[in-house]
Amino acid sequence: MQDNILEINNLSKYFGGLAAVFNCSLKVKQGTITGIIGPNGSGKTTLFNLIAGNLKSSAGSVLFNDENITDVPSYELFSKGLLRTFQIAHEFTNLSVLENLMMVPGNQSGEKLMNALLKPELVAKEESQIKEKAMEVVDFLNLSHLKNELAGNLSGGQKKLLELGRTMMVDAKLVLLDEVGAGVNRTLLKDLGTAIEKLNKEKGYTFCMIEHDMDFIGRLCDPVIVMAEGSVLFEGSVSDAKKDERVIESYLGKGSKLKDN
């Protein structure tokens, strides 16, 4: 039986009198690719921001590997192996792809002036190891031909691949993907899906992803969790979600049918 890597209990977030997330409870099993879907305004991104420490909760708890991480800031969660990507990629536009990856690991010796002055051999050795790791990442993601390209010049899909690569520069245990497919052409979306599957199967990554593309969700995710009005409405397979009357009504209104994209 798989262990739960993430457990959310009765989580709520109020903005004034409005509940963006209300009494939300769900579990993500280790080793899965779990999809979170739902209509706009259902609380998906707010939920991610609460899990990732970008927002403070109003009530409830978040457990990561059985540790209570409720309201723990994102930089602390990063060191624990909980990472998130954003719908709009956050790259260093004036650095190359390789340099973007090399910026990720924290507490590098070269960040301290005294080490640079007094321990140049240590700094050089560490930088060489980080560069080697970055080269492995660009090879894994088939970005080797772009390793020296400025990140600001990449296409939207390539930037999403780079964001995925940034999670590979540390020991990621759980990665939250916020609409990784948004604005990405079909060819690069297929590459993104392949990279996510490889990271899941070969590297043991657990993913929890918000996505609107039902084909993409159907290819990658089992289970899917449907949110509506800040709470969990449904949990199960994609095929069952498409047939569930509550899900259909939440998306399209009563009497409609939920079709594939």
C-alpha atoms as a PDB file:
ATOM      1  CA  MET A   1       0.000   0.000   0.000  1.00  0.00           C
ATOM      2  CA  GLN A   2       1.330   3.407  -0.971  1.00  0.00           C
ATOM      3  CA  ASP A   3       1.975   5.971   1.744  1.00  0.00           C
ATOM      4  CA  ASN A   4       0.466   9.422   1.595  1.00  0.00           C
ATOM      5  CA  ILE A   5       3.157  11.989   0.848  1.00  0.00           C
ATOM      6  CA  LEU A   6       0.665  14.856   1.226  1.00  0.00           C
ATOM      7  CA  GLU A   7      -2.381  15.072   3.464  1.00  0.00           C
ATOM      8  CA  ILE A   8      -4.656  18.105   3.641  1.00  0.00           C
ATOM      9  CA  ASN A   9      -7.190  18.281   6.437  1.00  0.00           C
ATOM     10  CA  ASN A  10     -10.110  20.740   6.555  1.00  0.00           C
ATOM     11  CA  LEU A  11      -8.046  23.494   4.945  1.00  0.00           C
ATOM     12  CA  SER A  12      -9.677  26.903   4.467  1.00  0.00           C
ATOM     13  CA  LYS A  13      -8.598  30.302   3.182  1.00  0.00           C
ATOM     14  CA  TYR A  14     -10.735  33.414   3.463  1.00  0.00           C
ATOM     15  CA  PHE A  15     -10.185  36.699   1.664  1.00  0.00           C
ATOM     16  CA  GLY A  16     -12.391  39.049   3.633  1.00  0.00           C
ATOM     17  CA  GLY A  17     -15.695  37.216   3.819  1.00  0.00           C
ATOM     18  CA  LEU A  18     -15.037  35.102   0.718  1.00  0.00           C
ATOM     19  CA  ALA A  19     -13.843  31.511   1.103  1.00  0.00           C
ATOM     20  CA  ALA A  20     -11.478  30.706  -1.787  1.00  0.00           C
ATOM     21  CA  VAL A  21     -10.757  27.303  -0.192  1.00  0.00           C
ATOM     22  CA  PHE A  22     -13.274  25.875   2.268  1.00  0.00           C
ATOM     23  CA  ASN A  23     -12.927  22.835   4.519  1.00  0.00           C
ATOM     24  CA  CYS A  24     -10.840  21.071   1.867  1.00  0.00           C
ATOM     25  CA  SER A  25      -9.442  17.604   2.600  1.00  0.00           C
ATOM     26  CA  LEU A  26      -7.486  15.353   0.247  1.00  0.00           C
ATOM     27  CA  LYS A  27      -4.544  12.959   0.100  1.00  0.00           C
ATOM     28  CA  VAL A  28      -1.794  12.464  -2.482  1.00  0.00           C
ATOM     29  CA  LYS A  29      -0.133   9.052  -2.513  1.00  0.00           C
ATOM     30  CA  GLN A  30       3.613   8.774  -2.968  1.00  0.00           C
ATOM     31  CA  GLY A  31       4.682   7.816  -6.481  1.00  0.00           C
ATOM     32  CA  THR A  32       1.503   9.006  -8.191  1.00  0.00           C
ATOM     33  CA  ILE A  33       0.729  11.738 -10.694  1.00  0.00           C
ATOM     34  CA  THR A  34      -2.414  13.230  -9.197  1.00  0.00           C
ATOM     35  CA  GLY A  35      -4.471  15.695 -11.221  1.00  0.00           C
ATOM     36  CA  ILE A  36      -6.509  18.539  -9.764  1.00  0.00           C
ATOM     37  CA  ILE A  37      -9.177  19.880 -12.079  1.00  0.00           C
ATOM     38  CA  GLY A  38     -12.183  22.122 -11.763  1.00  0.00           C
ATOM     39  CA  PRO A  39     -13.795  25.213 -13.261  1.00  0.00           C
ATOM     40  CA  ASN A  40     -12.190  28.642 -12.943  1.00  0.00           C
ATOM     41  CA  GLY A  41     -12.612  30.025  -9.434  1.00  0.00           C
ATOM     42  CA  SER A  42     -12.867  26.590  -7.812  1.00  0.00           C
ATOM     43  CA  GLY A  43      -9.849  27.262  -5.554  1.00  0.00           C
ATOM     44  CA  LYS A  44      -7.179  25.165  -7.260  1.00  0.00           C
ATOM     45  CA  THR A  45      -4.385  27.752  -7.413  1.00  0.00           C
ATOM     46  CA  THR A  46      -5.201  29.076  -3.933  1.00  0.00           C
ATOM     47  CA  LEU A  47      -4.884  25.505  -2.669  1.00  0.00           C
ATOM     48  CA  PHE A  48      -1.451  25.208  -4.301  1.00  0.00           C
ATOM     49  CA  ASN A  49      -0.382  28.519  -2.765  1.00  0.00           C
ATOM     50  CA  LEU A  50      -1.417  27.261   0.674  1.00  0.00           C
ATOM     51  CA  ILE A  51       0.441  23.968   0.272  1.00  0.00           C
ATOM     52  CA  ALA A  52       3.572  25.671  -1.088  1.00  0.00           C
ATOM     53  CA  GLY A  53       3.744  28.300   1.649  1.00  0.00           C
ATOM     54  CA  ASN A  54       2.918  31.254  -0.596  1.00  0.00           C
ATOM     55  CA  LEU A  55      -0.230  32.002   1.437  1.00  0.00           C
ATOM     56  CA  LYS A  56      -1.130  31.567   5.095  1.00  0.00           C
ATOM     57  CA  SER A  57      -4.184  29.455   5.835  1.00  0.00           C
ATOM     58  CA  SER A  58      -7.285  30.524   7.762  1.00  0.00           C
ATOM     59  CA  ALA A  59      -7.919  27.048   9.204  1.00  0.00           C
ATOM     60  CA  GLY A  60      -6.906  23.414   8.778  1.00  0.00           C
ATOM     61  CA  SER A  61      -3.571  21.661   8.284  1.00  0.00           C
ATOM     62  CA  VAL A  62      -1.123  20.448   5.630  1.00  0.00           C
ATOM     63  CA  LEU A  63       1.056  17.386   6.293  1.00  0.00           C
ATOM     64  CA  PHE A  64       4.053  16.509   4.111  1.00  0.00           C
ATOM     65  CA  ASN A  65       5.620  13.117   4.839  1.00  0.00           C
ATOM     66  CA  ASP A  66       3.711  13.160   8.149  1.00  0.00           C
ATOM     67  CA  GLU A  67       5.262  16.511   9.123  1.00  0.00           C
ATOM     68  CA  ASN A  68       2.953  19.444   9.783  1.00  0.00           C
ATOM     69  CA  ILE A  69       4.017  22.119   7.272  1.00  0.00           C
ATOM     70  CA  THR A  70       0.979  24.384   7.624  1.00  0.00           C
ATOM     71  CA  ASP A  71       2.048  27.979   6.844  1.00  0.00           C
ATOM     72  CA  VAL A  72       5.726  26.998   6.534  1.00  0.00           C
ATOM     73  CA  PRO A  73       7.309  29.450   4.041  1.00  0.00           C
ATOM     74  CA  SER A  74       8.200  28.241   0.549  1.00  0.00           C
ATOM     75  CA  TYR A  75      11.979  28.549   0.971  1.00  0.00           C
ATOM     76  CA  GLU A  76      11.867  26.102   3.893  1.00  0.00           C
ATOM     77  CA  LEU A  77       9.685  23.680   1.942  1.00  0.00           C
ATOM     78  CA  PHE A  78      12.157  23.888  -0.956  1.00  0.00           C
ATOM     79  CA  SER A  79      14.867  22.422   1.275  1.00  0.00           C
ATOM     80  CA  LYS A  80      12.461  19.647   2.347  1.00  0.00           C
ATOM     81  CA  GLY A  81      11.855  18.612  -1.272  1.00  0.00           C
ATOM     82  CA  LEU A  82       8.450  20.205  -1.884  1.00  0.00           C
ATOM     83  CA  LEU A  83       8.621  22.395  -4.999  1.00  0.00           C
ATOM     84  CA  ARG A  84       6.108  24.111  -7.229  1.00  0.00           C
ATOM     85  CA  THR A  85       6.115  25.525 -10.720  1.00  0.00           C
ATOM     86  CA  PHE A  86       3.946  28.392 -11.918  1.00  0.00           C
ATOM     87  CA  GLN A  87       1.498  28.870 -14.782  1.00  0.00           C
ATOM     88  CA  ILE A  88       3.819  31.654 -16.009  1.00  0.00           C
ATOM     89  CA  ALA A  89       7.403  30.392 -15.971  1.00  0.00           C
ATOM     90  CA  HIS A  90       9.811  32.170 -13.585  1.00  0.00           C
ATOM     91  CA  GLU A  91      13.161  32.082 -15.388  1.00  0.00           C
ATOM     92  CA  PHE A  92      16.212  34.363 -15.207  1.00  0.00           C
ATOM     93  CA  THR A  93      15.819  35.866 -18.669  1.00  0.00           C
ATOM     94  CA  ASN A  94      19.392  37.159 -19.030  1.00  0.00           C
ATOM     95  CA  LEU A  95      21.049  33.901 -17.990  1.00  0.00           C
ATOM     96  CA  SER A  96      21.526  30.875 -20.207  1.00  0.00           C
ATOM     97  CA  VAL A  97      19.556  27.658 -19.768  1.00  0.00           C
ATOM     98  CA  LEU A  98      22.583  26.039 -18.112  1.00  0.00           C
ATOM     99  CA  GLU A  99      23.124  29.025 -15.806  1.00  0.00           C
ATOM    100  CA  ASN A 100      19.447  28.991 -14.799  1.00  0.00           C
ATOM    101  CA  LEU A 101      19.822  25.395 -13.672  1.00  0.00           C
ATOM    102  CA  MET A 102      23.088  26.073 -11.863  1.00  0.00           C
ATOM    103  CA  MET A 103      21.417  28.836  -9.835  1.00  0.00           C
ATOM    104  CA  VAL A 104      18.989  26.408  -8.187  1.00  0.00           C
ATOM    105  CA  PRO A 105      20.972  24.546  -5.477  1.00  0.00           C
ATOM    106  CA  GLY A 106      21.074  26.545  -2.250  1.00  0.00           C
ATOM    107  CA  ASN A 107      23.977  27.327   0.088  1.00  0.00           C
ATOM    108  CA  GLN A 108      26.628  27.194  -2.605  1.00  0.00           C
ATOM    109  CA  SER A 109      30.147  27.928  -1.338  1.00  0.00           C
ATOM    110  CA  GLY A 110      30.694  30.567  -4.014  1.00  0.00           C
ATOM    111  CA  GLU A 111      27.873  32.674  -2.562  1.00  0.00           C
ATOM    112  CA  LYS A 112      30.178  33.668   0.302  1.00  0.00           C
ATOM    113  CA  LEU A 113      32.881  36.212  -0.524  1.00  0.00           C
ATOM    114  CA  MET A 114      35.370  34.733   1.960  1.00  0.00           C
ATOM    115  CA  ASN A 115      35.124  31.323   0.317  1.00  0.00           C
ATOM    116  CA  ALA A 116      35.710  32.852  -3.100  1.00  0.00           C
ATOM    117  CA  LEU A 117      38.819  34.611  -1.762  1.00  0.00           C
ATOM    118  CA  LEU A 118      40.222  31.947   0.574  1.00  0.00           C
ATOM    119  CA  LYS A 119      38.882  28.662  -0.802  1.00  0.00           C
ATOM    120  CA  PRO A 120      38.821  29.028  -4.598  1.00  0.00           C
ATOM    121  CA  GLU A 121      39.537  25.308  -5.109  1.00  0.00           C
ATOM    122  CA  LEU A 122      36.457  24.357  -3.066  1.00  0.00           C
ATOM    123  CA  VAL A 123      34.293  26.822  -4.983  1.00  0.00           C
ATOM    124  CA  ALA A 124      35.605  25.598  -8.354  1.00  0.00           C
ATOM    125  CA  LYS A 125      35.067  21.921  -7.444  1.00  0.00           C
ATOM    126  CA  GLU A 126      31.502  22.544  -6.266  1.00  0.00           C
ATOM    127  CA  GLU A 127      30.679  24.620  -9.345  1.00  0.00           C
ATOM    128  CA  SER A 128      32.028  21.852 -11.570  1.00  0.00           C
ATOM    129  CA  GLN A 129      29.786  19.292  -9.834  1.00  0.00           C
ATOM    130  CA  ILE A 130      26.728  21.542 -10.182  1.00  0.00           C
ATOM    131  CA  LYS A 131      27.493  22.141 -13.859  1.00  0.00           C
ATOM    132  CA  GLU A 132      27.799  18.403 -14.427  1.00  0.00           C
ATOM    133  CA  LYS A 133      24.397  17.899 -12.803  1.00  0.00           C
ATOM    134  CA  ALA A 134      22.921  20.682 -14.972  1.00  0.00           C
ATOM    135  CA  MET A 135      24.304  19.003 -18.090  1.00  0.00           C
ATOM    136  CA  GLU A 136      22.609  15.747 -17.048  1.00  0.00           C
ATOM    137  CA  VAL A 137      19.324  17.638 -16.657  1.00  0.00           C
ATOM    138  CA  VAL A 138      19.442  19.304 -20.098  1.00  0.00           C
ATOM    139  CA  ASP A 139      20.269  15.925 -21.644  1.00  0.00           C
ATOM    140  CA  PHE A 140      17.347  14.292 -19.808  1.00  0.00           C
ATOM    141  CA  LEU A 141      14.961  16.979 -21.082  1.00  0.00           C
ATOM    142  CA  ASN A 142      16.410  17.052 -24.620  1.00  0.00           C
ATOM    143  CA  LEU A 143      17.448  20.690 -24.203  1.00  0.00           C
ATOM    144  CA  SER A 144      21.166  20.199 -24.900  1.00  0.00           C
ATOM    145  CA  HIS A 145      20.952  22.205 -28.119  1.00  0.00           C
ATOM    146  CA  LEU A 146      19.679  25.172 -26.089  1.00  0.00           C
ATOM    147  CA  LYS A 147      22.032  24.963 -23.099  1.00  0.00           C
ATOM    148  CA  ASN A 148      23.806  28.235 -23.984  1.00  0.00           C
ATOM    149  CA  GLU A 149      20.672  30.058 -25.143  1.00  0.00           C
ATOM    150  CA  LEU A 150      19.378  32.917 -22.990  1.00  0.00           C
ATOM    151  CA  ALA A 151      16.303  31.689 -21.129  1.00  0.00           C
ATOM    152  CA  GLY A 152      14.401  34.808 -22.159  1.00  0.00           C
ATOM    153  CA  ASN A 153      14.632  33.696 -25.792  1.00  0.00           C
ATOM    154  CA  LEU A 154      12.946  30.328 -25.204  1.00  0.00           C
ATOM    155  CA  SER A 155       9.423  29.525 -26.337  1.00  0.00           C
ATOM    156  CA  GLY A 156       6.685  29.112 -23.742  1.00  0.00           C
ATOM    157  CA  GLY A 157       6.948  25.321 -23.869  1.00  0.00           C
ATOM    158  CA  GLN A 158      10.730  25.367 -23.593  1.00  0.00           C
ATOM    159  CA  LYS A 159      10.461  27.615 -20.525  1.00  0.00           C
ATOM    160  CA  LYS A 160       8.094  25.087 -18.950  1.00  0.00           C
ATOM    161  CA  LEU A 161      10.645  22.345 -19.619  1.00  0.00           C
ATOM    162  CA  LEU A 162      13.317  24.526 -18.013  1.00  0.00           C
ATOM    163  CA  GLU A 163      11.095  24.985 -14.931  1.00  0.00           C
ATOM    164  CA  LEU A 164      10.730  21.225 -14.743  1.00  0.00           C
ATOM    165  CA  GLY A 165      14.512  20.956 -15.034  1.00  0.00           C
ATOM    166  CA  ARG A 166      14.954  23.295 -12.084  1.00  0.00           C
ATOM    167  CA  THR A 167      13.125  20.779  -9.883  1.00  0.00           C
ATOM    168  CA  MET A 168      15.701  18.173 -10.931  1.00  0.00           C
ATOM    169  CA  MET A 169      18.606  20.208  -9.540  1.00  0.00           C
ATOM    170  CA  VAL A 170      17.563  19.373  -5.964  1.00  0.00           C
ATOM    171  CA  ASP A 171      16.160  16.260  -4.311  1.00  0.00           C
ATOM    172  CA  ALA A 172      12.522  16.896  -5.149  1.00  0.00           C
ATOM    173  CA  LYS A 173      10.028  14.591  -3.455  1.00  0.00           C
ATOM    174  CA  LEU A 174       6.781  16.292  -4.431  1.00  0.00           C
ATOM    175  CA  VAL A 175       6.366  18.742  -7.310  1.00  0.00           C
ATOM    176  CA  LEU A 176       3.270  20.916  -7.674  1.00  0.00           C
ATOM    177  CA  LEU A 177       2.686  21.728 -11.351  1.00  0.00           C
ATOM    178  CA  ASP A 178       0.410  24.711 -11.953  1.00  0.00           C
ATOM    179  CA  GLU A 179      -1.025  24.468 -15.496  1.00  0.00           C
ATOM    180  CA  VAL A 180       2.223  23.245 -17.005  1.00  0.00           C
ATOM    181  CA  GLY A 181       0.469  22.852 -20.360  1.00  0.00           C
ATOM    182  CA  ALA A 182      -0.931  26.400 -20.567  1.00  0.00           C
ATOM    183  CA  GLY A 183       0.135  28.147 -23.771  1.00  0.00           C
ATOM    184  CA  VAL A 184       2.261  25.212 -24.937  1.00  0.00           C
ATOM    185  CA  ASN A 185       1.983  23.835 -28.473  1.00  0.00           C
ATOM    186  CA  ARG A 186       0.987  20.194 -28.946  1.00  0.00           C
ATOM    187  CA  THR A 187       4.481  18.979 -29.858  1.00  0.00           C
ATOM    188  CA  LEU A 188       6.143  20.470 -26.775  1.00  0.00           C
ATOM    189  CA  LEU A 189       3.186  19.414 -24.636  1.00  0.00           C
ATOM    190  CA  LYS A 190       3.912  15.839 -25.663  1.00  0.00           C
ATOM    191  CA  ASP A 191       7.581  16.341 -24.677  1.00  0.00           C
ATOM    192  CA  LEU A 192       6.506  17.794 -21.328  1.00  0.00           C
ATOM    193  CA  GLY A 193       4.263  14.819 -20.700  1.00  0.00           C
ATOM    194  CA  THR A 194       7.077  12.415 -21.547  1.00  0.00           C
ATOM    195  CA  ALA A 195       9.459  14.238 -19.177  1.00  0.00           C
ATOM    196  CA  ILE A 196       6.912  14.119 -16.337  1.00  0.00           C
ATOM    197  CA  GLU A 197       6.307  10.404 -16.907  1.00  0.00           C
ATOM    198  CA  LYS A 198      10.053   9.684 -16.950  1.00  0.00           C
ATOM    199  CA  LEU A 199      10.625  11.650 -13.752  1.00  0.00           C
ATOM    200  CA  ASN A 200       7.780   9.764 -12.122  1.00  0.00           C
ATOM    201  CA  LYS A 201       8.824   6.280 -13.249  1.00  0.00           C
ATOM    202  CA  GLU A 202      12.614   6.590 -13.364  1.00  0.00           C
ATOM    203  CA  LYS A 203      13.346   9.123 -10.628  1.00  0.00           C
ATOM    204  CA  GLY A 204      10.447   8.410  -8.277  1.00  0.00           C
ATOM    205  CA  TYR A 205       8.974  11.915  -8.359  1.00  0.00           C
ATOM    206  CA  THR A 206       5.462  12.424  -7.055  1.00  0.00           C
ATOM    207  CA  PHE A 207       3.467  15.046  -8.956  1.00  0.00           C
ATOM    208  CA  CYS A 208       0.302  16.939  -8.157  1.00  0.00           C
ATOM    209  CA  MET A 209      -0.826  18.979 -11.127  1.00  0.00           C
ATOM    210  CA  ILE A 210      -3.496  21.552 -11.940  1.00  0.00           C
ATOM    211  CA  GLU A 211      -4.500  21.326 -15.580  1.00  0.00           C
ATOM    212  CA  HIS A 212      -7.428  22.177 -17.865  1.00  0.00           C
ATOM    213  CA  ASP A 213      -6.454  19.976 -20.831  1.00  0.00           C
ATOM    214  CA  MET A 214      -8.429  16.774 -20.268  1.00  0.00           C
ATOM    215  CA  ASP A 215      -6.406  14.828 -22.840  1.00  0.00           C
ATOM    216  CA  PHE A 216      -3.195  15.734 -21.011  1.00  0.00           C
ATOM    217  CA  ILE A 217      -4.750  14.892 -17.634  1.00  0.00           C
ATOM    218  CA  GLY A 218      -6.086  11.624 -19.015  1.00  0.00           C
ATOM    219  CA  ARG A 219      -2.667  10.623 -20.324  1.00  0.00           C
ATOM    220  CA  LEU A 220      -0.787  11.319 -17.093  1.00  0.00           C
ATOM    221  CA  CYS A 221      -3.025  11.348 -14.043  1.00  0.00           C
ATOM    222  CA  ASP A 222      -4.473   8.683 -11.816  1.00  0.00           C
ATOM    223  CA  PRO A 223      -6.343   9.678  -9.750  1.00  0.00           C
ATOM    224  CA  VAL A 224      -7.928  13.034 -10.513  1.00  0.00           C
ATOM    225  CA  ILE A 225      -9.465  15.285  -7.878  1.00  0.00           C
ATOM    226  CA  VAL A 226     -12.235  17.661  -8.940  1.00  0.00           C
ATOM    227  CA  MET A 227     -12.663  20.884  -6.980  1.00  0.00           C
ATOM    228  CA  ALA A 228     -15.724  23.128  -6.878  1.00  0.00           C
ATOM    229  CA  GLU A 229     -16.345  26.168  -4.704  1.00  0.00           C
ATOM    230  CA  GLY A 230     -13.122  25.617  -2.757  1.00  0.00           C
ATOM    231  CA  SER A 231     -13.766  21.993  -1.777  1.00  0.00           C
ATOM    232  CA  VAL A 232     -13.279  18.496  -3.170  1.00  0.00           C
ATOM    233  CA  LEU A 233     -16.265  17.412  -5.259  1.00  0.00           C
ATOM    234  CA  PHE A 234     -14.983  14.132  -6.713  1.00  0.00           C
ATOM    235  CA  GLU A 235     -11.976  11.790  -6.620  1.00  0.00           C
ATOM    236  CA  GLY A 236     -11.386   8.899  -9.000  1.00  0.00           C
ATOM    237  CA  SER A 237     -10.383   8.117 -12.586  1.00  0.00           C
ATOM    238  CA  VAL A 238     -10.640  10.571 -15.478  1.00  0.00           C
ATOM    239  CA  SER A 239     -13.192   8.360 -17.239  1.00  0.00           C
ATOM    240  CA  ASP A 240     -15.395   8.246 -14.152  1.00  0.00           C
ATOM    241  CA  ALA A 241     -15.051  12.026 -13.682  1.00  0.00           C
ATOM    242  CA  LYS A 242     -16.351  12.620 -17.198  1.00  0.00           C
ATOM    243  CA  LYS A 243     -19.475  10.584 -16.405  1.00  0.00           C
ATOM    244  CA  ASP A 244     -20.140  12.010 -12.949  1.00  0.00           C
ATOM    245  CA  GLU A 245     -23.225  14.245 -12.961  1.00  0.00           C
ATOM    246  CA  ARG A 246     -21.862  16.512 -10.211  1.00  0.00           C
ATOM    247  CA  VAL A 247     -18.650  17.090 -12.177  1.00  0.00           C
ATOM    248  CA  ILE A 248     -20.503  17.757 -15.424  1.00  0.00           C
ATOM    249  CA  GLU A 249     -22.855  20.211 -13.740  1.00  0.00           C
ATOM    250  CA  SER A 250     -19.947  21.974 -12.029  1.00  0.00           C
ATOM    251  CA  TYR A 251     -18.180  22.494 -15.354  1.00  0.00           C
ATOM    252  CA  LEU A 252     -20.990  23.052 -17.823  1.00  0.00           C
ATOM    253  CA  GLY A 253     -24.339  23.188 -16.084  1.00  0.00           C
ATOM    254  CA  LYS A 254     -27.065  20.634 -15.617  1.00  0.00           C
ATOM    255  CA  GLY A 255     -27.983  18.515 -18.650  1.00  0.00           C
ATOM    256  CA  SER A 256     -24.633  18.980 -20.435  1.00  0.00           C
ATOM    257  CA  LYS A 257     -21.970  16.443 -21.359  1.00  0.00           C
ATOM    258  CA  LEU A 258     -18.263  16.739 -20.566  1.00  0.00           C
ATOM    259  CA  LYS A 259     -16.230  15.919 -23.665  1.00  0.00           C
ATOM    260  CA  ASP A 260     -12.527  15.457 -24.306  1.00  0.00           C
ATOM    261  CA  ASN A 261     -10.558  18.430 -25.684  1.00  0.00           C
END
